[in-house]
C-alpha atoms as a PDB file:
ATOM      1  CA  UNK A   1       0.017  -0.007   0.016  1.00  0.00           C
ATOM      2  CA  UNK A   2       1.370   3.358  -1.044  1.00  0.00           C
ATOM      3  CA  UNK A   3       0.573   6.731   0.619  1.00  0.00           C
ATOM      4  CA  UNK A   4       1.497   9.919  -1.144  1.00  0.00           C
ATOM      5  CA  UNK A   5       1.300  13.357   0.510  1.00  0.00           C
ATOM      6  CA  UNK A   6      -0.191  15.804  -1.980  1.00  0.00           C
ATOM      7  CA  UNK A   7      -0.797  18.576   0.489  1.00  0.00           C
ATOM      8  CA  UNK A   8      -0.341  18.955   4.252  1.00  0.00           C
ATOM      9  CA  UNK A   9      -0.223  22.664   5.124  1.00  0.00           C
ATOM     10  CA  UNK A  10      -2.623  24.526   7.367  1.00  0.00           C
ATOM     11  CA  UNK A  11      -2.660  27.391   4.856  1.00  0.00           C
ATOM     12  CA  UNK A  12      -1.463  28.544   1.477  1.00  0.00           C
ATOM     13  CA  UNK A  13       1.596  30.328   0.066  1.00  0.00           C
ATOM     14  CA  UNK A  14       4.419  29.562  -2.283  1.00  0.00           C
ATOM     15  CA  UNK A  15       5.034  25.819  -2.065  1.00  0.00           C
ATOM     16  CA  UNK A  16       2.262  25.255   0.462  1.00  0.00           C
ATOM     17  CA  UNK A  17      -0.722  23.055  -0.379  1.00  0.00           C
ATOM     18  CA  UNK A  18      -3.671  22.176   1.769  1.00  0.00           C
ATOM     19  CA  UNK A  19      -4.642  18.774   2.919  1.00  0.00           C
ATOM     20  CA  UNK A  20      -4.873  15.780   0.576  1.00  0.00           C
ATOM     21  CA  UNK A  21      -3.399  12.271   0.710  1.00  0.00           C
ATOM     22  CA  UNK A  22      -3.503   9.682  -2.085  1.00  0.00           C
ATOM     23  CA  UNK A  23      -3.678   5.970  -1.233  1.00  0.00           C
ATOM     24  CA  UNK A  24      -2.258   3.913  -4.113  1.00  0.00           C
ATOM     25  CA  UNK A  25      -3.638   5.547  -7.218  1.00  0.00           C
ATOM     26  CA  UNK A  26      -7.396   5.471  -6.695  1.00  0.00           C
ATOM     27  CA  UNK A  27      -8.220   6.837  -3.252  1.00  0.00           C
ATOM     28  CA  UNK A  28      -7.957  10.361  -1.792  1.00  0.00           C
ATOM     29  CA  UNK A  29      -8.170  11.216   1.891  1.00  0.00           C
ATOM     30  CA  UNK A  30      -9.444  14.779   1.698  1.00  0.00           C
ATOM     31  CA  UNK A  31      -9.183  17.000  -1.370  1.00  0.00           C
ATOM     32  CA  UNK A  32      -7.599  20.351  -0.579  1.00  0.00           C
ATOM     33  CA  UNK A  33      -5.350  22.251  -2.932  1.00  0.00           C
ATOM     34  CA  UNK A  34      -2.773  19.442  -2.902  1.00  0.00           C
ATOM     35  CA  UNK A  35      -4.916  17.685  -5.523  1.00  0.00           C
ATOM     36  CA  UNK A  36      -3.647  20.258  -7.995  1.00  0.00           C
ATOM     37  CA  UNK A  37      -0.249  18.575  -7.863  1.00  0.00           C
ATOM     38  CA  UNK A  38      -1.625  15.618  -9.831  1.00  0.00           C
ATOM     39  CA  UNK A  39      -1.322  15.246 -13.594  1.00  0.00           C
ATOM     40  CA  UNK A  40      -4.591  14.680 -15.468  1.00  0.00           C
ATOM     41  CA  UNK A  41      -3.670  11.058 -16.043  1.00  0.00           C
ATOM     42  CA  UNK A  42      -3.176  10.581 -12.295  1.00  0.00           C
ATOM     43  CA  UNK A  43      -6.467  12.354 -11.565  1.00  0.00           C
ATOM     44  CA  UNK A  44      -8.290  10.050 -13.967  1.00  0.00           C
ATOM     45  CA  UNK A  45      -7.551   7.031 -11.784  1.00  0.00           C
ATOM     46  CA  UNK A  46      -9.190   8.449  -8.683  1.00  0.00           C
ATOM     47  CA  UNK A  47     -12.496   6.743  -7.836  1.00  0.00           C
ATOM     48  CA  UNK A  48     -12.966   7.371  -4.116  1.00  0.00           C
ATOM     49  CA  UNK A  49     -12.601  10.436  -1.893  1.00  0.00           C
ATOM     50  CA  UNK A  50     -12.932  10.032   1.851  1.00  0.00           C
ATOM     51  CA  UNK A  51     -13.544  13.384   3.560  1.00  0.00           C
ATOM     52  CA  UNK A  52     -12.694  14.224   7.145  1.00  0.00           C
ATOM     53  CA  UNK A  53     -15.040  17.228   7.285  1.00  0.00           C
ATOM     54  CA  UNK A  54     -16.534  20.077   5.288  1.00  0.00           C
ATOM     55  CA  UNK A  55     -13.949  22.900   5.707  1.00  0.00           C
ATOM     56  CA  UNK A  56     -12.604  24.287   2.406  1.00  0.00           C
ATOM     57  CA  UNK A  57      -8.936  23.469   3.012  1.00  0.00           C
ATOM     58  CA  UNK A  58      -9.990  19.779   2.851  1.00  0.00           C
ATOM     59  CA  UNK A  59     -12.668  19.992   0.124  1.00  0.00           C
ATOM     60  CA  UNK A  60     -11.896  22.940  -2.191  1.00  0.00           C
ATOM     61  CA  UNK A  61     -10.401  20.977  -5.083  1.00  0.00           C
ATOM     62  CA  UNK A  62     -13.167  18.438  -5.524  1.00  0.00           C
ATOM     63  CA  UNK A  63     -14.974  20.738  -7.983  1.00  0.00           C
ATOM     64  CA  UNK A  64     -11.789  21.315 -10.013  1.00  0.00           C
ATOM     65  CA  UNK A  65     -10.917  17.607  -9.980  1.00  0.00           C
ATOM     66  CA  UNK A  66     -14.239  16.492 -11.362  1.00  0.00           C
ATOM     67  CA  UNK A  67     -14.376  19.300 -13.895  1.00  0.00           C
ATOM     68  CA  UNK A  68     -10.852  18.606 -15.147  1.00  0.00           C
ATOM     69  CA  UNK A  69     -11.442  14.882 -15.815  1.00  0.00           C
ATOM     70  CA  UNK A  70     -15.149  15.152 -16.705  1.00  0.00           C
ATOM     71  CA  UNK A  71     -14.671  13.690 -20.208  1.00  0.00           C
ATOM     72  CA  UNK A  72     -12.411  10.896 -18.924  1.00  0.00           C
ATOM     73  CA  UNK A  73     -14.827   9.529 -16.338  1.00  0.00           C
ATOM     74  CA  UNK A  74     -16.529   6.328 -17.295  1.00  0.00           C
ATOM     75  CA  UNK A  75     -17.243   5.476 -13.679  1.00  0.00           C
ATOM     76  CA  UNK A  76     -18.250   8.045 -11.006  1.00  0.00           C
ATOM     77  CA  UNK A  77     -15.987   9.406  -8.351  1.00  0.00           C
ATOM     78  CA  UNK A  78     -17.601   8.391  -5.029  1.00  0.00           C
ATOM     79  CA  UNK A  79     -17.521  10.808  -2.090  1.00  0.00           C
ATOM     80  CA  UNK A  80     -17.506   8.967   1.223  1.00  0.00           C
ATOM     81  CA  UNK A  81     -18.345  11.256   4.125  1.00  0.00           C
ATOM     82  CA  UNK A  82     -20.645  11.912   7.004  1.00  0.00           C
ATOM     83  CA  UNK A  83     -24.092  13.054   5.924  1.00  0.00           C
ATOM     84  CA  UNK A  84     -23.475  16.513   7.441  1.00  0.00           C
ATOM     85  CA  UNK A  85     -20.414  16.902   5.193  1.00  0.00           C
ATOM     86  CA  UNK A  86     -22.310  15.801   2.087  1.00  0.00           C
ATOM     87  CA  UNK A  87     -25.110  18.200   2.932  1.00  0.00           C
ATOM     88  CA  UNK A  88     -22.576  21.042   3.153  1.00  0.00           C
ATOM     89  CA  UNK A  89     -21.088  20.179  -0.252  1.00  0.00           C
ATOM     90  CA  UNK A  90     -24.478  20.043  -1.872  1.00  0.00           C
ATOM     91  CA  UNK A  91     -25.747  23.250  -0.295  1.00  0.00           C
ATOM     92  CA  UNK A  92     -22.682  25.449  -0.637  1.00  0.00           C
ATOM     93  CA  UNK A  93     -20.538  24.126  -3.538  1.00  0.00           C
ATOM     94  CA  UNK A  94     -22.411  21.828  -5.961  1.00  0.00           C
ATOM     95  CA  UNK A  95     -25.469  24.069  -6.046  1.00  0.00           C
ATOM     96  CA  UNK A  96     -25.429  25.482  -9.616  1.00  0.00           C
ATOM     97  CA  UNK A  97     -24.330  28.854  -8.149  1.00  0.00           C
ATOM     98  CA  UNK A  98     -20.838  28.187  -6.868  1.00  0.00           C
ATOM     99  CA  UNK A  99     -20.348  25.175  -9.190  1.00  0.00           C
ATOM    100  CA  UNK A 100     -22.462  22.806 -11.318  1.00  0.00           C
ATOM    101  CA  UNK A 101     -24.091  19.827  -9.578  1.00  0.00           C
ATOM    102  CA  UNK A 102     -21.957  16.990 -10.938  1.00  0.00           C
ATOM    103  CA  UNK A 103     -24.124  14.420  -9.196  1.00  0.00           C
ATOM    104  CA  UNK A 104     -26.626  15.207 -11.981  1.00  0.00           C
ATOM    105  CA  UNK A 105     -24.188  15.500 -14.942  1.00  0.00           C
ATOM    106  CA  UNK A 106     -24.023  14.469 -17.695  1.00  0.00           C
ATOM    107  CA  UNK A 107     -27.317  12.803 -16.696  1.00  0.00           C
ATOM    108  CA  UNK A 108     -28.817  12.092 -13.296  1.00  0.00           C
ATOM    109  CA  UNK A 109     -28.875   8.399 -14.044  1.00  0.00           C
ATOM    110  CA  UNK A 110     -25.256   8.411 -15.228  1.00  0.00           C
ATOM    111  CA  UNK A 111     -23.557  11.117 -13.110  1.00  0.00           C
ATOM    112  CA  UNK A 112     -19.807  11.546 -12.685  1.00  0.00           C
ATOM    113  CA  UNK A 113     -20.112  12.223  -8.940  1.00  0.00           C
ATOM    114  CA  UNK A 114     -21.792  10.024  -6.417  1.00  0.00           C
ATOM    115  CA  UNK A 115     -22.281  10.387  -2.642  1.00  0.00           C
ATOM    116  CA  UNK A 116     -22.187   7.512  -0.199  1.00  0.00           C
ATOM    117  CA  UNK A 117     -22.895   8.597   3.418  1.00  0.00           C
ATOM    118  CA  UNK A 118     -20.795   6.948   6.070  1.00  0.00           C
ATOM    119  CA  UNK A 119     -20.984   6.893   9.806  1.00  0.00           C
ATOM    120  CA  UNK A 120     -18.152   6.757  12.379  1.00  0.00           C
ATOM    121  CA  UNK A 121     -17.318   3.155  13.155  1.00  0.00           C
ATOM    122  CA  UNK A 122     -18.234   1.967   9.679  1.00  0.00           C
ATOM    123  CA  UNK A 123     -15.612   0.225   7.543  1.00  0.00           C
ATOM    124  CA  UNK A 124     -15.399  -0.080   3.783  1.00  0.00           C
ATOM    125  CA  UNK A 125     -13.288  -2.550   1.799  1.00  0.00           C
ATOM    126  CA  UNK A 126     -11.903  -1.378  -1.534  1.00  0.00           C
ATOM    127  CA  UNK A 127      -9.650  -3.758  -3.432  1.00  0.00           C
ATOM    128  CA  UNK A 128      -8.072  -5.276  -0.375  1.00  0.00           C
ATOM    129  CA  UNK A 129      -7.860  -2.097   1.717  1.00  0.00           C
ATOM    130  CA  UNK A 130     -10.075  -1.395   4.665  1.00  0.00           C
ATOM    131  CA  UNK A 131     -10.978   2.220   5.412  1.00  0.00           C
ATOM    132  CA  UNK A 132     -12.540   2.852   8.851  1.00  0.00           C
ATOM    133  CA  UNK A 133     -14.115   6.175   9.779  1.00  0.00           C
ATOM    134  CA  UNK A 134     -13.334   7.390  13.314  1.00  0.00           C
ATOM    135  CA  UNK A 135     -15.119  10.247  15.070  1.00  0.00           C
ATOM    136  CA  UNK A 136     -12.911  13.090  16.313  1.00  0.00           C
ATOM    137  CA  UNK A 137     -13.486  16.457  17.956  1.00  0.00           C
ATOM    138  CA  UNK A 138     -13.781  19.522  15.647  1.00  0.00           C
ATOM    139  CA  UNK A 139     -15.930  22.604  15.192  1.00  0.00           C
ATOM    140  CA  UNK A 140     -17.996  20.795  12.538  1.00  0.00           C
ATOM    141  CA  UNK A 141     -18.726  17.035  12.412  1.00  0.00           C
ATOM    142  CA  UNK A 142     -15.243  15.610  11.814  1.00  0.00           C
ATOM    143  CA  UNK A 143     -13.578  12.246  11.489  1.00  0.00           C
ATOM    144  CA  UNK A 144     -10.230  10.624  11.033  1.00  0.00           C
ATOM    145  CA  UNK A 145      -9.477   7.361   9.242  1.00  0.00           C
ATOM    146  CA  UNK A 146      -7.615   4.118   9.768  1.00  0.00           C
ATOM    147  CA  UNK A 147      -6.525   2.494   6.511  1.00  0.00           C
ATOM    148  CA  UNK A 148      -5.234  -1.056   6.490  1.00  0.00           C
ATOM    149  CA  UNK A 149      -4.637  -4.171   4.482  1.00  0.00           C
ATOM    150  CA  UNK A 150      -3.549  -7.638   5.486  1.00  0.00           C
ATOM    151  CA  UNK A 151      -0.037  -6.574   6.493  1.00  0.00           C
ATOM    152  CA  UNK A 152       0.023  -2.864   7.482  1.00  0.00           C
ATOM    153  CA  UNK A 153      -2.012   0.056   8.750  1.00  0.00           C
ATOM    154  CA  UNK A 154      -1.831   3.839   8.985  1.00  0.00           C
ATOM    155  CA  UNK A 155      -4.103   6.418  10.573  1.00  0.00           C
ATOM    156  CA  UNK A 156      -4.947  10.012   9.772  1.00  0.00           C
ATOM    157  CA  UNK A 157      -6.470  12.230  12.448  1.00  0.00           C
ATOM    158  CA  UNK A 158      -8.236  14.745  10.268  1.00  0.00           C
ATOM    159  CA  UNK A 159      -8.713  18.062  12.086  1.00  0.00           C
ATOM    160  CA  UNK A 160      -9.273  17.536  15.796  1.00  0.00           C
ATOM    161  CA  UNK A 161      -8.590  18.608  19.345  1.00  0.00           C
ATOM    162  CA  UNK A 162      -8.502  16.675  22.593  1.00  0.00           C
ATOM    163  CA  UNK A 163     -10.592  13.469  22.465  1.00  0.00           C
ATOM    164  CA  UNK A 164     -10.479   9.874  23.590  1.00  0.00           C
ATOM    165  CA  UNK A 165     -12.298   8.145  20.771  1.00  0.00           C
ATOM    166  CA  UNK A 166      -9.638   8.361  18.087  1.00  0.00           C
ATOM    167  CA  UNK A 167      -7.014   6.931  20.361  1.00  0.00           C
ATOM    168  CA  UNK A 168      -9.285   4.206  21.793  1.00  0.00           C
ATOM    169  CA  UNK A 169     -10.149   2.987  18.305  1.00  0.00           C
ATOM    170  CA  UNK A 170      -6.474   2.825  17.294  1.00  0.00           C
ATOM    171  CA  UNK A 171      -5.652   0.972  20.524  1.00  0.00           C
ATOM    172  CA  UNK A 172      -8.329  -1.610  19.759  1.00  0.00           C
ATOM    173  CA  UNK A 173      -6.140  -2.975  16.995  1.00  0.00           C
ATOM    174  CA  UNK A 174      -2.853  -4.867  17.201  1.00  0.00           C
ATOM    175  CA  UNK A 175      -0.884  -2.770  14.737  1.00  0.00           C
ATOM    176  CA  UNK A 176      -0.256   0.786  13.590  1.00  0.00           C
ATOM    177  CA  UNK A 177       2.714   1.478  11.352  1.00  0.00           C
ATOM    178  CA  UNK A 178       2.248   5.185  10.585  1.00  0.00           C
ATOM    179  CA  UNK A 179       0.326   8.006  12.183  1.00  0.00           C
ATOM    180  CA  UNK A 180      -0.423  11.424  10.572  1.00  0.00           C
ATOM    181  CA  UNK A 181      -1.783  13.827  13.205  1.00  0.00           C
ATOM    182  CA  UNK A 182      -2.561  17.495  13.088  1.00  0.00           C
ATOM    183  CA  UNK A 183      -0.984  20.282  15.136  1.00  0.00           C
ATOM    184  CA  UNK A 184      -2.278  23.604  13.851  1.00  0.00           C
ATOM    185  CA  UNK A 185      -1.066  26.150  16.428  1.00  0.00           C
ATOM    186  CA  UNK A 186       1.906  26.868  18.684  1.00  0.00           C
ATOM    187  CA  UNK A 187       1.375  26.787  22.454  1.00  0.00           C
ATOM    188  CA  UNK A 188       1.211  30.606  22.653  1.00  0.00           C
ATOM    189  CA  UNK A 189      -2.033  30.310  20.639  1.00  0.00           C
ATOM    190  CA  UNK A 190      -3.533  27.598  22.886  1.00  0.00           C
ATOM    191  CA  UNK A 191      -6.723  29.595  23.490  1.00  0.00           C
ATOM    192  CA  UNK A 192      -7.258  29.988  19.709  1.00  0.00           C
ATOM    193  CA  UNK A 193      -6.520  26.291  19.255  1.00  0.00           C
ATOM    194  CA  UNK A 194      -9.133  25.462  21.835  1.00  0.00           C
ATOM    195  CA  UNK A 195     -11.725  27.646  20.168  1.00  0.00           C
ATOM    196  CA  UNK A 196     -10.961  26.286  16.730  1.00  0.00           C
ATOM    197  CA  UNK A 197     -10.715  22.729  18.101  1.00  0.00           C
ATOM    198  CA  UNK A 198      -7.188  21.991  16.824  1.00  0.00           C
ATOM    199  CA  UNK A 199      -4.229  20.545  18.657  1.00  0.00           C
ATOM    200  CA  UNK A 200      -1.353  22.593  19.910  1.00  0.00           C
ATOM    201  CA  UNK A 201       1.848  20.837  21.013  1.00  0.00           C
ATOM    202  CA  UNK A 202       0.769  20.639  24.705  1.00  0.00           C
ATOM    203  CA  UNK A 203      -2.641  19.077  24.009  1.00  0.00           C
ATOM    204  CA  UNK A 204      -1.220  16.709  21.393  1.00  0.00           C
ATOM    205  CA  UNK A 205       1.340  15.501  23.941  1.00  0.00           C
ATOM    206  CA  UNK A 206      -1.440  14.681  26.356  1.00  0.00           C
ATOM    207  CA  UNK A 207      -3.423  12.729  23.771  1.00  0.00           C
ATOM    208  CA  UNK A 208      -0.469  10.875  22.253  1.00  0.00           C
ATOM    209  CA  UNK A 209       0.265   9.492  25.693  1.00  0.00           C
ATOM    210  CA  UNK A 210      -2.960   7.511  25.284  1.00  0.00           C
ATOM    211  CA  UNK A 211      -1.617   5.578  22.325  1.00  0.00           C
ATOM    212  CA  UNK A 212      -0.284   2.122  23.062  1.00  0.00           C
ATOM    213  CA  UNK A 213       1.356   1.661  19.677  1.00  0.00           C
ATOM    214  CA  UNK A 214       4.757   2.998  18.612  1.00  0.00           C
ATOM    215  CA  UNK A 215       4.273   4.108  14.969  1.00  0.00           C
ATOM    216  CA  UNK A 216       6.230   6.596  12.958  1.00  0.00           C
ATOM    217  CA  UNK A 217       4.519   9.914  13.736  1.00  0.00           C
ATOM    218  CA  UNK A 218       4.249  12.802  11.277  1.00  0.00           C
ATOM    219  CA  UNK A 219       2.636  16.081  12.190  1.00  0.00           C
ATOM    220  CA  UNK A 220       0.549  18.009   9.636  1.00  0.00           C
ATOM    221  CA  UNK A 221      -1.676  21.082   9.169  1.00  0.00           C
ATOM    222  CA  UNK A 222       0.835  23.523  10.706  1.00  0.00           C
ATOM    223  CA  UNK A 223      -0.052  27.150  10.152  1.00  0.00           C
ATOM    224  CA  UNK A 224       2.219  28.912   7.656  1.00  0.00           C
ATOM    225  CA  UNK A 225       5.052  30.800   9.315  1.00  0.00           C
ATOM    226  CA  UNK A 226       4.677  28.803  12.589  1.00  0.00           C
ATOM    227  CA  UNK A 227       6.228  25.542  11.398  1.00  0.00           C
ATOM    228  CA  UNK A 228       9.559  25.791  13.188  1.00  0.00           C
ATOM    229  CA  UNK A 229       8.042  26.955  16.477  1.00  0.00           C
ATOM    230  CA  UNK A 230       5.427  24.226  16.435  1.00  0.00           C
ATOM    231  CA  UNK A 231       7.991  21.519  15.618  1.00  0.00           C
ATOM    232  CA  UNK A 232      10.312  22.707  18.378  1.00  0.00           C
ATOM    233  CA  UNK A 233       7.523  22.669  20.945  1.00  0.00           C
ATOM    234  CA  UNK A 234       6.269  19.298  19.778  1.00  0.00           C
ATOM    235  CA  UNK A 235       9.724  17.712  20.145  1.00  0.00           C
ATOM    236  CA  UNK A 236      10.174  19.294  23.573  1.00  0.00           C
ATOM    237  CA  UNK A 237       6.828  17.998  24.787  1.00  0.00           C
ATOM    238  CA  UNK A 238       6.883  14.525  23.238  1.00  0.00           C
ATOM    239  CA  UNK A 239       9.949  12.387  23.826  1.00  0.00           C
ATOM    240  CA  UNK A 240       8.505   8.898  23.354  1.00  0.00           C
ATOM    241  CA  UNK A 241       8.064   9.212  19.616  1.00  0.00           C
ATOM    242  CA  UNK A 242      10.464  10.284  16.875  1.00  0.00           C
ATOM    243  CA  UNK A 243       8.245  12.981  15.392  1.00  0.00           C
ATOM    244  CA  UNK A 244       8.724  14.525  11.997  1.00  0.00           C
ATOM    245  CA  UNK A 245       6.917  17.215  10.056  1.00  0.00           C
ATOM    246  CA  UNK A 246       5.278  16.591   6.725  1.00  0.00           C
ATOM    247  CA  UNK A 247       6.267  19.141   4.069  1.00  0.00           C
ATOM    248  CA  UNK A 248       4.562  17.603   1.043  1.00  0.00           C
ATOM    249  CA  UNK A 249       5.547  15.196  -1.742  1.00  0.00           C
ATOM    250  CA  UNK A 250       6.486  12.432   0.714  1.00  0.00           C
ATOM    251  CA  UNK A 251       5.698   8.870  -0.448  1.00  0.00           C
ATOM    252  CA  UNK A 252       5.351   6.090   2.105  1.00  0.00           C
ATOM    253  CA  UNK A 253       5.457   2.505   1.002  1.00  0.00           C
ATOM    254  CA  UNK A 254       3.686   0.408   3.649  1.00  0.00           C
END
C-alpha cells in the first residue's frame, strides 16, 4: 500500500498546499489544494474520496478535480463522508451557483459524482484495503481514518482537538505503522486552538500518551510561518516518539 502526501499545510503560500493524501492511485483522503499537484492522467484514476469534514482546506479541489477529468470519467467518483459533510457540499458548492451539480451530470442516471454517506465506526473494503471512519472532535462534524490491508495500517487524524475516541479505536487494533496527526497552532495560541478545536503541542502531547502503539509519527496542518516553532515545541513535549513534520511530496510504501 502506497501513501502519497499531496498537500499537508494549514494554509497557502508559495510551495504550500492544503490537505490531501493519495492511497495507491485510486483513493484520496481529503481533497484540498494538494490535488492540484496531480497530472490529469493521475487524476483520472481516482474513484474514491474520503472526507474528514466540510472545511474548504479539505474539500476545495473536488470541483476542479471533477471538472478537469469530466470527459475521462466512465465510472463516477464516489464521495465517502458523514451526511453533514455531504449536505454542506451540496448546499454550498455543488449548487449550480458556486459550481455545477456534478451528481446530475451528464445525466442524473449516469452522473460523474456520487455520494455514499458513512458513519463513524463503519468500515469499507476497496480492493483489499479497509478504510474505517473514526469520530474526532472539531468545530463541525469531523472524522479521522484508519486504513489497512492484511499486512500494514496507517491512521490520519483529520482536524481535531483533545478526544479519547480516536485513540481508543487505534488501541483496539494490534498494529499501527504510521500516524499522521494535526498540530495547527503553537502553544502561545492555545486559546485559539481550543476555540478552533485544533491541537497545539501541549494538547497533542497529552493525547499521544494515550496511544499504546509506537508508529512513525508525522505532524501535519501547521499554520504557515509557525512551522519551526510548532515543531520545536512538539519535540520538547513529546519524547516517546520520533516525530517529523510533513512538508509535502512524501511517499510512504507500507
